[in-house]
């Protein structure tokens, strides 16, 4: 148990409530050096049958853990919304307008939210439902934010990501396009090639030899003899366009298609096959780890993408703000519900431990020195009599204690 934790302790009023309170005060140590004491007023809850109470006791520990898990989820979600580069830490989440420590120290039963004259199982169900509903809502909010952030990431990657992976229609600015001569004729085509920065020199040195056997050329002036293989790249056509953080973009003019020679057969002239050179050139680029971009830049699409990106950023920010407000409101609600469950759990264990009618004093210790407090509590309450304790297992340390104790974890 850390020094930021509280311990809710219940002991019988033996012989009176004032005597029990004096024992608890004595356990705080000299000058409250072990803990500070904060007495609670626990309402007269409806006990019901002993069998029902024992059944409820078995399930309370699991319910307690479930509620604590949800409270921590809300706390983590709020912390994750705080900018990593912020100069100040996130504002603490409040409960009823004050810090959680102040709320635990000054706890009062909320009779409006949790009517104390309901049967205990029904009351526990009401407390748990409040937190379970918040857990479901948080899951939906986080999923919505995650989907919006994923969409924003995809848009950002397409707009401002590496040329190796981005869509040139939206990543290449109109200014970069203004100085380019884009050819798209029957026989010539300007293509864009993205190159890793580390391979820029290699590309510039070898670009005109890419795909050395994709096309074939006749001899000078159409002279006969065997045709010679060669690259489809037009000599001197390689142009640098732009660069980003890890790639460079070039334009290259290549032959668009080539038709093999036809021939005459018995039935007449047979035209030669048409070869798609662009596809073959793309394969040659991939072998060198260059990327042939398949889309032509579009200034209009570029503008629309920027608008969509800004809308996506605004959408994500709106979800973050809404989630932050939700966390602030529902942390207070869920933390208060969880503390009420802790008090119910302490009440149930006290009844099972000390019997009916319920006649116990309950208080919260703000822990300063855990081991010293535990020892002082044992000494102060040893005269209570029988052994046994049904509180938190981590408070028992596998030994019997003469009091009921339920831990309230502090801030992480």
Foldseek 3Di string as FASTA:
>chain_A
DDLQWKKKWKAFQVVHQVLQVVLLVQLCDVVSQFWDWAWADDDQADEPDPVVLVVVLVCLVVLLVVLVVLLVVLVVLLQVLDDPPDPDHDDAFPAPPHRPVVCQRHPYDDCVQQPRHDHPVVSSVSLSVLSVVLSVVLVVLVVVLVVLVVVLVVLCCQQDNFPQPHAQQAPPAVVLVPPDDADDDPWKGKWKKKFWPVCVVVCVVCVQQQPQALDWAADPPNDDDDTHGGFQWDPPAWAWRAGDDTITMIITMGTQKDFDCWDADPVGIDTGDIGGSVVVSQVSCVVVPMHIRDDDHHNVVNVVSVVVSVVSVVVSVVSSVVSSVSSSVSSNSSSSSSVVSLSVSQQSQQCVVPHPDDRMIIIMISGRNVVSSLVSSQVSQVVSDDWAESEDPVSQVPGTGNIYMYMDDGDD
